[in-house]
Amino acid sequence: QAQLVESGGGLVQPGGSLRLSCAASGSIGAIYLWNWHRQTPGKQRELVASISSGGTTDYADSVKGRFTISRDNEKNAMYLQMNNLKPEDTAVYYCYGYNGQGTEAWGQGTQVTVSS
């Protein structure tokens, strides 16, 4: 069974930083494409950042210059460093992994709350 496990969410003040982690295990094997998505109540889940197997990254305009996605292929893990957080970054963050061979998985979600 493919499984993605997230960690690192929490409460932070505006301007603060958090680092999210996501680790893959089980039948999914090595991850080809990693994404971070986020969702707030009543809104569609949105793509925040992605990183390919070759290390190419892409970001939503709203987080460019503040968030950095990275991956560790040896650990089959992915990270999202979030700096200069804003209240509008408050959401449940989900990691997504695709192994390039038809298997994909989602993490369970981790709450990020930016508030003073």
PDB file of N, CA and C in Angstrom:
ATOM      1  N   GLN A   1       0.848  -1.193   0.000  1.00  0.00           N
ATOM      2  CA  GLN A   1       0.000   0.000   0.000  1.00  0.00           C
ATOM      3  C   GLN A   1       0.884   1.243   0.000  1.00  0.00           C
ATOM      4  N   ALA A   2       0.559   2.168  -0.919  1.00  0.00           N
ATOM      5  CA  ALA A   2       1.326   3.405  -0.987  1.00  0.00           C
ATOM      6  C   ALA A   2       0.925   4.326   0.157  1.00  0.00           C
ATOM      7  N   GLN A   3       1.925   4.952   0.777  1.00  0.00           N
ATOM      8  CA  GLN A   3       1.635   5.814   1.909  1.00  0.00           C
ATOM      9  C   GLN A   3       2.558   7.012   1.917  1.00  0.00           C
ATOM     10  N   LEU A   4       1.961   8.177   2.160  1.00  0.00           N
ATOM     11  CA  LEU A   4       2.731   9.396   2.346  1.00  0.00           C
ATOM     12  C   LEU A   4       2.408   9.932   3.731  1.00  0.00           C
ATOM     13  N   VAL A   5       3.432  10.241   4.500  1.00  0.00           N
ATOM     14  CA  VAL A   5       3.243  10.726   5.867  1.00  0.00           C
ATOM     15  C   VAL A   5       3.844  12.113   5.987  1.00  0.00           C
ATOM     16  N   GLU A   6       3.013  13.062   6.404  1.00  0.00           N
ATOM     17  CA  GLU A   6       3.437  14.446   6.527  1.00  0.00           C
ATOM     18  C   GLU A   6       3.730  14.795   7.977  1.00  0.00           C
ATOM     19  N   SER A   7       4.533  15.818   8.148  1.00  0.00           N
ATOM     20  CA  SER A   7       4.789  16.364   9.475  1.00  0.00           C
ATOM     21  C   SER A   7       5.239  17.812   9.339  1.00  0.00           C
ATOM     22  N   GLY A   8       5.166  18.559  10.441  1.00  0.00           N
ATOM     23  CA  GLY A   8       5.733  19.891  10.462  1.00  0.00           C
ATOM     24  C   GLY A   8       4.760  21.051  10.516  1.00  0.00           C
ATOM     25  N   GLY A   9       3.475  20.798  10.454  1.00  0.00           N
ATOM     26  CA  GLY A   9       2.517  21.897  10.537  1.00  0.00           C
ATOM     27  C   GLY A   9       2.455  22.479  11.939  1.00  0.00           C
ATOM     28  N   GLY A  10       1.675  23.554  12.084  1.00  0.00           N
ATOM     29  CA  GLY A  10       1.520  24.158  13.387  1.00  0.00           C
ATOM     30  C   GLY A  10       1.055  25.590  13.314  1.00  0.00           C
ATOM     31  N   LEU A  11       1.172  26.283  14.442  1.00  0.00           N
ATOM     32  CA  LEU A  11       0.775  27.689  14.564  1.00  0.00           C
ATOM     33  C   LEU A  11       2.018  28.561  14.557  1.00  0.00           C
ATOM     34  N   VAL A  12       2.001  29.593  13.747  1.00  0.00           N
ATOM     35  CA  VAL A  12       3.138  30.502  13.657  1.00  0.00           C
ATOM     36  C   VAL A  12       2.619  31.916  13.476  1.00  0.00           C
ATOM     37  N   GLN A  13       3.381  32.889  13.947  1.00  0.00           N
ATOM     38  CA  GLN A  13       3.006  34.283  13.781  1.00  0.00           C
ATOM     39  C   GLN A  13       3.322  34.766  12.377  1.00  0.00           C
ATOM     40  N   PRO A  14       2.625  35.779  11.908  1.00  0.00           N
ATOM     41  CA  PRO A  14       2.965  36.358  10.599  1.00  0.00           C
ATOM     42  C   PRO A  14       4.437  36.745  10.545  1.00  0.00           C
ATOM     43  N   GLY A  15       5.055  36.427   9.402  1.00  0.00           N
ATOM     44  CA  GLY A  15       6.482  36.671   9.253  1.00  0.00           C
ATOM     45  C   GLY A  15       7.349  35.515   9.686  1.00  0.00           C
ATOM     46  N   GLY A  16       6.752  34.530  10.326  1.00  0.00           N
ATOM     47  CA  GLY A  16       7.505  33.377  10.805  1.00  0.00           C
ATOM     48  C   GLY A  16       7.739  32.332   9.733  1.00  0.00           C
ATOM     49  N   SER A  17       8.349  31.219  10.144  1.00  0.00           N
ATOM     50  CA  SER A  17       8.704  30.150   9.220  1.00  0.00           C
ATOM     51  C   SER A  17       8.252  28.799   9.762  1.00  0.00           C
ATOM     52  N   LEU A  18       7.992  27.896   8.830  1.00  0.00           N
ATOM     53  CA  LEU A  18       7.710  26.499   9.133  1.00  0.00           C
ATOM     54  C   LEU A  18       8.331  25.651   8.039  1.00  0.00           C
ATOM     55  N   ARG A  19       8.647  24.410   8.393  1.00  0.00           N
ATOM     56  CA  ARG A  19       9.149  23.449   7.410  1.00  0.00           C
ATOM     57  C   ARG A  19       8.277  22.203   7.463  1.00  0.00           C
ATOM     58  N   LEU A  20       7.674  21.886   6.327  1.00  0.00           N
ATOM     59  CA  LEU A  20       6.858  20.688   6.210  1.00  0.00           C
ATOM     60  C   LEU A  20       7.692  19.573   5.595  1.00  0.00           C
ATOM     61  N   SER A  21       7.416  18.348   6.036  1.00  0.00           N
ATOM     62  CA  SER A  21       8.083  17.175   5.497  1.00  0.00           C
ATOM     63  C   SER A  21       7.052  16.167   5.036  1.00  0.00           C
ATOM     64  N   CYS A  22       7.431  15.362   4.058  1.00  0.00           N
ATOM     65  CA  CYS A  22       6.565  14.304   3.563  1.00  0.00           C
ATOM     66  C   CYS A  22       7.449  13.135   3.165  1.00  0.00           C
ATOM     67  N   ALA A  23       7.181  11.972   3.713  1.00  0.00           N
ATOM     68  CA  ALA A  23       7.970  10.782   3.422  1.00  0.00           C
ATOM     69  C   ALA A  23       7.086   9.713   2.813  1.00  0.00           C
ATOM     70  N   ALA A  24       7.625   9.051   1.791  1.00  0.00           N
ATOM     71  CA  ALA A  24       6.886   7.996   1.091  1.00  0.00           C
ATOM     72  C   ALA A  24       7.343   6.624   1.568  1.00  0.00           C
ATOM     73  N   SER A  25       6.410   5.710   1.607  1.00  0.00           N
ATOM     74  CA  SER A  25       6.739   4.325   1.948  1.00  0.00           C
ATOM     75  C   SER A  25       5.729   3.394   1.286  1.00  0.00           C
ATOM     76  N   GLY A  26       6.029   2.109   1.349  1.00  0.00           N
ATOM     77  CA  GLY A  26       5.092   1.140   0.807  1.00  0.00           C
ATOM     78  C   GLY A  26       5.281   0.909  -0.678  1.00  0.00           C
ATOM     79  N   SER A  27       4.198   0.547  -1.343  1.00  0.00           N
ATOM     80  CA  SER A  27       4.263   0.059  -2.706  1.00  0.00           C
ATOM     81  C   SER A  27       4.503   1.132  -3.761  1.00  0.00           C
ATOM     82  N   ILE A  28       4.494   2.397  -3.382  1.00  0.00           N
ATOM     83  CA  ILE A  28       4.647   3.450  -4.388  1.00  0.00           C
ATOM     84  C   ILE A  28       6.074   3.505  -4.923  1.00  0.00           C
ATOM     85  N   GLY A  29       7.056   3.055  -4.157  1.00  0.00           N
ATOM     86  CA  GLY A  29       8.435   3.085  -4.623  1.00  0.00           C
ATOM     87  C   GLY A  29       8.966   4.505  -4.714  1.00  0.00           C
ATOM     88  N   ALA A  30       9.936   4.687  -5.602  1.00  0.00           N
ATOM     89  CA  ALA A  30      10.565   5.998  -5.744  1.00  0.00           C
ATOM     90  C   ALA A  30       9.590   6.989  -6.374  1.00  0.00           C
ATOM     91  N   ILE A  31       9.571   8.195  -5.828  1.00  0.00           N
ATOM     92  CA  ILE A  31       8.662   9.222  -6.323  1.00  0.00           C
ATOM     93  C   ILE A  31       9.304   9.969  -7.482  1.00  0.00           C
ATOM     94  N   TYR A  32       8.554  10.084  -8.571  1.00  0.00           N
ATOM     95  CA  TYR A  32       9.010  10.842  -9.746  1.00  0.00           C
ATOM     96  C   TYR A  32       8.651  12.316  -9.609  1.00  0.00           C
ATOM     97  N   LEU A  33       7.426  12.589  -9.241  1.00  0.00           N
ATOM     98  CA  LEU A  33       6.946  13.973  -9.132  1.00  0.00           C
ATOM     99  C   LEU A  33       6.341  14.171  -7.748  1.00  0.00           C
ATOM    100  N   TRP A  34       6.814  15.209  -7.073  1.00  0.00           N
ATOM    101  CA  TRP A  34       6.269  15.602  -5.776  1.00  0.00           C
ATOM    102  C   TRP A  34       5.546  16.938  -5.936  1.00  0.00           C
ATOM    103  N   ASN A  35       4.386  17.048  -5.258  1.00  0.00           N
ATOM    104  CA  ASN A  35       3.660  18.321  -5.192  1.00  0.00           C
ATOM    105  C   ASN A  35       3.287  18.617  -3.742  1.00  0.00           C
ATOM    106  N   TRP A  36       3.163  19.901  -3.441  1.00  0.00           N
ATOM    107  CA  TRP A  36       2.467  20.357  -2.242  1.00  0.00           C
ATOM    108  C   TRP A  36       1.202  21.098  -2.696  1.00  0.00           C
ATOM    109  N   HIS A  37       0.092  20.781  -2.075  1.00  0.00           N
ATOM    110  CA  HIS A  37      -1.175  21.445  -2.320  1.00  0.00           C
ATOM    111  C   HIS A  37      -1.669  21.991  -0.988  1.00  0.00           C
ATOM    112  N   ARG A  38      -2.620  22.921  -1.044  1.00  0.00           N
ATOM    113  CA  ARG A  38      -3.250  23.393   0.176  1.00  0.00           C
ATOM    114  C   ARG A  38      -4.729  23.657  -0.075  1.00  0.00           C
ATOM    115  N   GLN A  39      -5.477  23.614   1.019  1.00  0.00           N
ATOM    116  CA  GLN A  39      -6.917  23.797   0.898  1.00  0.00           C
ATOM    117  C   GLN A  39      -7.461  24.487   2.139  1.00  0.00           C
ATOM    118  N   THR A  40      -8.352  25.452   1.901  1.00  0.00           N
ATOM    119  CA  THR A  40      -9.074  26.117   2.979  1.00  0.00           C
ATOM    120  C   THR A  40     -10.550  25.780   2.826  1.00  0.00           C
ATOM    121  N   PRO A  41     -11.316  25.878   3.912  1.00  0.00           N
ATOM    122  CA  PRO A  41     -12.737  25.510   3.854  1.00  0.00           C
ATOM    123  C   PRO A  41     -13.488  26.274   2.768  1.00  0.00           C
ATOM    124  N   GLY A  42     -14.249  25.556   1.987  1.00  0.00           N
ATOM    125  CA  GLY A  42     -15.058  26.159   0.951  1.00  0.00           C
ATOM    126  C   GLY A  42     -14.336  26.462  -0.340  1.00  0.00           C
ATOM    127  N   LYS A  43     -13.049  26.153  -0.393  1.00  0.00           N
ATOM    128  CA  LYS A  43     -12.264  26.424  -1.605  1.00  0.00           C
ATOM    129  C   LYS A  43     -11.689  25.139  -2.163  1.00  0.00           C
ATOM    130  N   GLN A  44     -11.367  25.188  -3.443  1.00  0.00           N
ATOM    131  CA  GLN A  44     -10.735  24.034  -4.075  1.00  0.00           C
ATOM    132  C   GLN A  44      -9.288  23.907  -3.617  1.00  0.00           C
ATOM    133  N   ARG A  45      -8.813  22.683  -3.632  1.00  0.00           N
ATOM    134  CA  ARG A  45      -7.412  22.448  -3.315  1.00  0.00           C
ATOM    135  C   ARG A  45      -6.557  23.086  -4.418  1.00  0.00           C
ATOM    136  N   GLU A  46      -5.525  23.820  -4.012  1.00  0.00           N
ATOM    137  CA  GLU A  46      -4.677  24.500  -4.991  1.00  0.00           C
ATOM    138  C   GLU A  46      -3.248  23.974  -4.923  1.00  0.00           C
ATOM    139  N   LEU A  47      -2.599  23.967  -6.073  1.00  0.00           N
ATOM    140  CA  LEU A  47      -1.204  23.547  -6.163  1.00  0.00           C
ATOM    141  C   LEU A  47      -0.319  24.694  -5.680  1.00  0.00           C
ATOM    142  N   VAL A  48       0.557  24.382  -4.738  1.00  0.00           N
ATOM    143  CA  VAL A  48       1.450  25.390  -4.167  1.00  0.00           C
ATOM    144  C   VAL A  48       2.842  25.311  -4.791  1.00  0.00           C
ATOM    145  N   ALA A  49       3.360  24.091  -4.899  1.00  0.00           N
ATOM    146  CA  ALA A  49       4.714  23.919  -5.416  1.00  0.00           C
ATOM    147  C   ALA A  49       4.879  22.500  -5.924  1.00  0.00           C
ATOM    148  N   SER A  50       5.793  22.319  -6.878  1.00  0.00           N
ATOM    149  CA  SER A  50       6.086  20.997  -7.395  1.00  0.00           C
ATOM    150  C   SER A  50       7.572  20.872  -7.664  1.00  0.00           C
ATOM    151  N   ILE A  51       8.057  19.634  -7.655  1.00  0.00           N
ATOM    152  CA  ILE A  51       9.452  19.361  -7.971  1.00  0.00           C
ATOM    153  C   ILE A  51       9.522  18.042  -8.703  1.00  0.00           C
ATOM    154  N   SER A  52      10.230  18.063  -9.832  1.00  0.00           N
ATOM    155  CA  SER A  52      10.340  16.866 -10.659  1.00  0.00           C
ATOM    156  C   SER A  52      11.508  16.009 -10.202  1.00  0.00           C
ATOM    157  N   SER A  53      11.650  14.850 -10.849  1.00  0.00           N
ATOM    158  CA  SER A  53      12.757  13.960 -10.504  1.00  0.00           C
ATOM    159  C   SER A  53      14.101  14.605 -10.790  1.00  0.00           C
ATOM    160  N   GLY A  54      14.134  15.496 -11.772  1.00  0.00           N
ATOM    161  CA  GLY A  54      15.374  16.168 -12.114  1.00  0.00           C
ATOM    162  C   GLY A  54      15.652  17.411 -11.295  1.00  0.00           C
ATOM    163  N   GLY A  55      14.717  17.753 -10.410  1.00  0.00           N
ATOM    164  CA  GLY A  55      14.915  18.910  -9.543  1.00  0.00           C
ATOM    165  C   GLY A  55      14.295  20.202 -10.042  1.00  0.00           C
ATOM    166  N   THR A  56      13.581  20.135 -11.165  1.00  0.00           N
ATOM    167  CA  THR A  56      12.902  21.336 -11.654  1.00  0.00           C
ATOM    168  C   THR A  56      11.740  21.683 -10.734  1.00  0.00           C
ATOM    169  N   THR A  57      11.669  22.945 -10.339  1.00  0.00           N
ATOM    170  CA  THR A  57      10.638  23.379  -9.402  1.00  0.00           C
ATOM    171  C   THR A  57       9.687  24.380 -10.054  1.00  0.00           C
ATOM    172  N   ASP A  58       8.503  24.457  -9.493  1.00  0.00           N
ATOM    173  CA  ASP A  58       7.510  25.415  -9.945  1.00  0.00           C
ATOM    174  C   ASP A  58       6.686  25.832  -8.727  1.00  0.00           C
ATOM    175  N   TYR A  59       6.265  27.096  -8.722  1.00  0.00           N
ATOM    176  CA  TYR A  59       5.555  27.634  -7.570  1.00  0.00           C
ATOM    177  C   TYR A  59       4.326  28.431  -7.997  1.00  0.00           C
ATOM    178  N   ALA A  60       3.329  28.439  -7.149  1.00  0.00           N
ATOM    179  CA  ALA A  60       2.214  29.356  -7.328  1.00  0.00           C
ATOM    180  C   ALA A  60       2.734  30.777  -7.138  1.00  0.00           C
ATOM    181  N   ASP A  61       2.150  31.711  -7.867  1.00  0.00           N
ATOM    182  CA  ASP A  61       2.607  33.099  -7.774  1.00  0.00           C
ATOM    183  C   ASP A  61       2.526  33.618  -6.345  1.00  0.00           C
ATOM    184  N   SER A  62       1.545  33.152  -5.599  1.00  0.00           N
ATOM    185  CA  SER A  62       1.314  33.667  -4.251  1.00  0.00           C
ATOM    186  C   SER A  62       2.422  33.291  -3.259  1.00  0.00           C
ATOM    187  N   VAL A  63       3.246  32.306  -3.611  1.00  0.00           N
ATOM    188  CA  VAL A  63       4.282  31.852  -2.670  1.00  0.00           C
ATOM    189  C   VAL A  63       5.697  32.028  -3.223  1.00  0.00           C
ATOM    190  N   LYS A  64       5.826  32.467  -4.454  1.00  0.00           N
ATOM    191  CA  LYS A  64       7.156  32.646  -5.044  1.00  0.00           C
ATOM    192  C   LYS A  64       7.997  33.600  -4.210  1.00  0.00           C
ATOM    193  N   GLY A  65       9.233  33.196  -3.982  1.00  0.00           N
ATOM    194  CA  GLY A  65      10.141  34.018  -3.200  1.00  0.00           C
ATOM    195  C   GLY A  65      10.040  33.799  -1.705  1.00  0.00           C
ATOM    196  N   ARG A  66       9.012  33.052  -1.268  1.00  0.00           N
ATOM    197  CA  ARG A  66       8.833  32.795   0.165  1.00  0.00           C
ATOM    198  C   ARG A  66       8.932  31.305   0.500  1.00  0.00           C
ATOM    199  N   PHE A  67       8.468  30.458  -0.405  1.00  0.00           N
ATOM    200  CA  PHE A  67       8.470  29.011  -0.177  1.00  0.00           C
ATOM    201  C   PHE A  67       9.541  28.353  -1.046  1.00  0.00           C
ATOM    202  N   THR A  68      10.136  27.299  -0.508  1.00  0.00           N
ATOM    203  CA  THR A  68      11.119  26.524  -1.260  1.00  0.00           C
ATOM    204  C   THR A  68      10.814  25.038  -1.103  1.00  0.00           C
ATOM    205  N   ILE A  69      10.628  24.368  -2.241  1.00  0.00           N
ATOM    206  CA  ILE A  69      10.399  22.928  -2.229  1.00  0.00           C
ATOM    207  C   ILE A  69      11.713  22.224  -2.520  1.00  0.00           C
ATOM    208  N   SER A  70      11.938  21.110  -1.857  1.00  0.00           N
ATOM    209  CA  SER A  70      13.155  20.335  -2.087  1.00  0.00           C
ATOM    210  C   SER A  70      12.838  18.860  -1.886  1.00  0.00           C
ATOM    211  N   ARG A  71      13.762  18.007  -2.314  1.00  0.00           N
ATOM    212  CA  ARG A  71      13.542  16.578  -2.199  1.00  0.00           C
ATOM    213  C   ARG A  71      14.837  15.879  -1.828  1.00  0.00           C
ATOM    214  N   ASP A  72      14.697  14.731  -1.188  1.00  0.00           N
ATOM    215  CA  ASP A  72      15.822  13.870  -0.847  1.00  0.00           C
ATOM    216  C   ASP A  72      15.491  12.497  -1.412  1.00  0.00           C
ATOM    217  N   ASN A  73      16.082  12.173  -2.537  1.00  0.00           N
ATOM    218  CA  ASN A  73      15.727  10.922  -3.218  1.00  0.00           C
ATOM    219  C   ASN A  73      16.172   9.697  -2.427  1.00  0.00           C
ATOM    220  N   GLU A  74      17.250   9.808  -1.683  1.00  0.00           N
ATOM    221  CA  GLU A  74      17.710   8.660  -0.885  1.00  0.00           C
ATOM    222  C   GLU A  74      16.711   8.311   0.201  1.00  0.00           C
ATOM    223  N   LYS A  75      16.080   9.341   0.756  1.00  0.00           N
ATOM    224  CA  LYS A  75      15.082   9.133   1.807  1.00  0.00           C
ATOM    225  C   LYS A  75      13.666   9.014   1.239  1.00  0.00           C
ATOM    226  N   ASN A  76      13.535   9.241  -0.077  1.00  0.00           N
ATOM    227  CA  ASN A  76      12.213   9.256  -0.719  1.00  0.00           C
ATOM    228  C   ASN A  76      11.284  10.215   0.019  1.00  0.00           C
ATOM    229  N   ALA A  77      11.794  11.423   0.195  1.00  0.00           N
ATOM    230  CA  ALA A  77      11.082  12.430   0.980  1.00  0.00           C
ATOM    231  C   ALA A  77      11.131  13.778   0.285  1.00  0.00           C
ATOM    232  N   MET A  78      10.248  14.642   0.725  1.00  0.00           N
ATOM    233  CA  MET A  78      10.125  15.973   0.156  1.00  0.00           C
ATOM    234  C   MET A  78       9.898  16.960   1.294  1.00  0.00           C
ATOM    235  N   TYR A  79      10.279  18.224   1.048  1.00  0.00           N
ATOM    236  CA  TYR A  79      10.163  19.237   2.079  1.00  0.00           C
ATOM    237  C   TYR A  79       9.611  20.536   1.488  1.00  0.00           C
ATOM    238  N   LEU A  80       8.990  21.332   2.338  1.00  0.00           N
ATOM    239  CA  LEU A  80       8.546  22.659   1.936  1.00  0.00           C
ATOM    240  C   LEU A  80       8.962  23.639   3.026  1.00  0.00           C
ATOM    241  N   GLN A  81       9.952  24.461   2.713  1.00  0.00           N
ATOM    242  CA  GLN A  81      10.382  25.505   3.630  1.00  0.00           C
ATOM    243  C   GLN A  81       9.537  26.740   3.355  1.00  0.00           C
ATOM    244  N   MET A  82       8.820  27.192   4.371  1.00  0.00           N
ATOM    245  CA  MET A  82       7.911  28.319   4.220  1.00  0.00           C
ATOM    246  C   MET A  82       8.409  29.464   5.090  1.00  0.00           C
ATOM    247  N   ASN A  83       8.790  30.562   4.440  1.00  0.00           N
ATOM    248  CA  ASN A  83       9.290  31.737   5.146  1.00  0.00           C
ATOM    249  C   ASN A  83       8.346  32.913   4.946  1.00  0.00           C
ATOM    250  N   ASN A  84       8.481  33.905   5.810  1.00  0.00           N
ATOM    251  CA  ASN A  84       7.651  35.108   5.719  1.00  0.00           C
ATOM    252  C   ASN A  84       6.171  34.745   5.553  1.00  0.00           C
ATOM    253  N   LEU A  85       5.702  33.873   6.424  1.00  0.00           N
ATOM    254  CA  LEU A  85       4.335  33.392   6.312  1.00  0.00           C
ATOM    255  C   LEU A  85       3.325  34.495   6.557  1.00  0.00           C
ATOM    256  N   LYS A  86       2.228  34.410   5.838  1.00  0.00           N
ATOM    257  CA  LYS A  86       1.156  35.400   5.915  1.00  0.00           C
ATOM    258  C   LYS A  86      -0.132  34.719   6.370  1.00  0.00           C
ATOM    259  N   PRO A  87      -1.063  35.465   6.943  1.00  0.00           N
ATOM    260  CA  PRO A  87      -2.334  34.856   7.366  1.00  0.00           C
ATOM    261  C   PRO A  87      -3.037  34.115   6.241  1.00  0.00           C
ATOM    262  N   GLU A  88      -2.886  34.606   5.017  1.00  0.00           N
ATOM    263  CA  GLU A  88      -3.543  33.940   3.885  1.00  0.00           C
ATOM    264  C   GLU A  88      -2.897  32.613   3.504  1.00  0.00           C
ATOM    265  N   ASP A  89      -1.777  32.275   4.128  1.00  0.00           N
ATOM    266  CA  ASP A  89      -1.171  30.954   3.930  1.00  0.00           C
ATOM    267  C   ASP A  89      -1.828  29.895   4.820  1.00  0.00           C
ATOM    268  N   THR A  90      -2.697  30.330   5.721  1.00  0.00           N
ATOM    269  CA  THR A  90      -3.388  29.383   6.595  1.00  0.00           C
ATOM    270  C   THR A  90      -4.218  28.408   5.775  1.00  0.00           C
ATOM    271  N   ALA A  91      -3.991  27.124   5.979  1.00  0.00           N
ATOM    272  CA  ALA A  91      -4.664  26.083   5.203  1.00  0.00           C
ATOM    273  C   ALA A  91      -4.226  24.717   5.718  1.00  0.00           C
ATOM    274  N   VAL A  92      -4.882  23.688   5.219  1.00  0.00           N
ATOM    275  CA  VAL A  92      -4.378  22.328   5.385  1.00  0.00           C
ATOM    276  C   VAL A  92      -3.492  22.032   4.180  1.00  0.00           C
ATOM    277  N   TYR A  93      -2.292  21.617   4.436  1.00  0.00           N
ATOM    278  CA  TYR A  93      -1.323  21.332   3.381  1.00  0.00           C
ATOM    279  C   TYR A  93      -1.229  19.823   3.159  1.00  0.00           C
ATOM    280  N   TYR A  94      -1.281  19.453   1.882  1.00  0.00           N
ATOM    281  CA  TYR A  94      -1.234  18.046   1.500  1.00  0.00           C
ATOM    282  C   TYR A  94      -0.049  17.801   0.573  1.00  0.00           C
ATOM    283  N   CYS A  95       0.661  16.724   0.807  1.00  0.00           N
ATOM    284  CA  CYS A  95       1.684  16.336  -0.160  1.00  0.00           C
ATOM    285  C   CYS A  95       1.083  15.302  -1.110  1.00  0.00           C
ATOM    286  N   TYR A  96       1.634  15.284  -2.294  1.00  0.00           N
ATOM    287  CA  TYR A  96       1.194  14.381  -3.359  1.00  0.00           C
ATOM    288  C   TYR A  96       2.431  13.803  -4.012  1.00  0.00           C
ATOM    289  N   GLY A  97       2.400  12.511  -4.269  1.00  0.00           N
ATOM    290  CA  GLY A  97       3.509  11.862  -4.932  1.00  0.00           C
ATOM    291  C   GLY A  97       3.041  10.960  -6.060  1.00  0.00           C
ATOM    292  N   TYR A  98       3.802  10.977  -7.151  1.00  0.00           N
ATOM    293  CA  TYR A  98       3.500  10.128  -8.309  1.00  0.00           C
ATOM    294  C   TYR A  98       4.787   9.442  -8.718  1.00  0.00           C
ATOM    295  N   ASN A  99       4.694   8.127  -8.932  1.00  0.00           N
ATOM    296  CA  ASN A  99       5.928   7.369  -9.200  1.00  0.00           C
ATOM    297  C   ASN A  99       6.264   7.231 -10.679  1.00  0.00           C
ATOM    298  N   GLY A 100       5.450   7.883 -11.525  1.00  0.00           N
ATOM    299  CA  GLY A 100       5.737   7.825 -12.958  1.00  0.00           C
ATOM    300  C   GLY A 100       5.326   6.534 -13.624  1.00  0.00           C
ATOM    301  N   GLN A 101       4.717   5.624 -12.846  1.00  0.00           N
ATOM    302  CA  GLN A 101       4.307   4.322 -13.375  1.00  0.00           C
ATOM    303  C   GLN A 101       2.853   4.023 -13.045  1.00  0.00           C
ATOM    304  N   GLY A 102       2.087   5.094 -12.824  1.00  0.00           N
ATOM    305  CA  GLY A 102       0.658   4.925 -12.616  1.00  0.00           C
ATOM    306  C   GLY A 102       0.195   4.912 -11.184  1.00  0.00           C
ATOM    307  N   THR A 103       1.120   4.996 -10.241  1.00  0.00           N
ATOM    308  CA  THR A 103       0.724   4.990  -8.835  1.00  0.00           C
ATOM    309  C   THR A 103       0.932   6.361  -8.224  1.00  0.00           C
ATOM    310  N   GLU A 104      -0.094   6.853  -7.580  1.00  0.00           N
ATOM    311  CA  GLU A 104      -0.034   8.145  -6.912  1.00  0.00           C
ATOM    312  C   GLU A 104      -0.599   8.005  -5.504  1.00  0.00           C
ATOM    313  N   ALA A 105      -0.263   8.966  -4.666  1.00  0.00           N
ATOM    314  CA  ALA A 105      -0.754   8.938  -3.296  1.00  0.00           C
ATOM    315  C   ALA A 105      -0.789  10.354  -2.736  1.00  0.00           C
ATOM    316  N   TRP A 106      -1.640  10.529  -1.735  1.00  0.00           N
ATOM    317  CA  TRP A 106      -1.767  11.794  -1.018  1.00  0.00           C
ATOM    318  C   TRP A 106      -1.415  11.578   0.449  1.00  0.00           C
ATOM    319  N   GLY A 107      -0.850  12.609   1.051  1.00  0.00           N
ATOM    320  CA  GLY A 107      -0.649  12.597   2.481  1.00  0.00           C
ATOM    321  C   GLY A 107      -1.959  12.880   3.202  1.00  0.00           C
ATOM    322  N   GLN A 108      -1.924  12.761   4.505  1.00  0.00           N
ATOM    323  CA  GLN A 108      -3.135  12.908   5.310  1.00  0.00           C
ATOM    324  C   GLN A 108      -3.489  14.364   5.567  1.00  0.00           C
ATOM    325  N   GLY A 109      -2.567  15.267   5.263  1.00  0.00           N
ATOM    326  CA  GLY A 109      -2.817  16.690   5.493  1.00  0.00           C
ATOM    327  C   GLY A 109      -2.266  17.147   6.831  1.00  0.00           C
ATOM    328  N   THR A 110      -1.726  18.354   6.832  1.00  0.00           N
ATOM    329  CA  THR A 110      -1.223  18.947   8.066  1.00  0.00           C
ATOM    330  C   THR A 110      -1.658  20.407   8.119  1.00  0.00           C
ATOM    331  N   GLN A 111      -2.150  20.833   9.264  1.00  0.00           N
ATOM    332  CA  GLN A 111      -2.689  22.184   9.408  1.00  0.00           C
ATOM    333  C   GLN A 111      -1.562  23.184   9.621  1.00  0.00           C
ATOM    334  N   VAL A 112      -1.624  24.253   8.849  1.00  0.00           N
ATOM    335  CA  VAL A 112      -0.730  25.395   9.041  1.00  0.00           C
ATOM    336  C   VAL A 112      -1.604  26.603   9.348  1.00  0.00           C
ATOM    337  N   THR A 113      -1.368  27.230  10.486  1.00  0.00           N
ATOM    338  CA  THR A 113      -2.137  28.391  10.899  1.00  0.00           C
ATOM    339  C   THR A 113      -1.186  29.550  11.146  1.00  0.00           C
ATOM    340  N   VAL A 114      -1.433  30.655  10.441  1.00  0.00           N
ATOM    341  CA  VAL A 114      -0.603  31.849  10.586  1.00  0.00           C
ATOM    342  C   VAL A 114      -1.468  32.924  11.233  1.00  0.00           C
ATOM    343  N   SER A 115      -1.151  33.237  12.475  1.00  0.00           N
ATOM    344  CA  SER A 115      -1.983  34.166  13.230  1.00  0.00           C
ATOM    345  C   SER A 115      -1.179  34.767  14.377  1.00  0.00           C
ATOM    346  N   SER A 116      -1.502  36.011  14.693  1.00  0.00           N
ATOM    347  CA  SER A 116      -0.859  36.659  15.828  1.00  0.00           C
ATOM    348  C   SER A 116      -1.703  36.474  17.088  1.00  0.00           C
TER     349      SER A 116
END
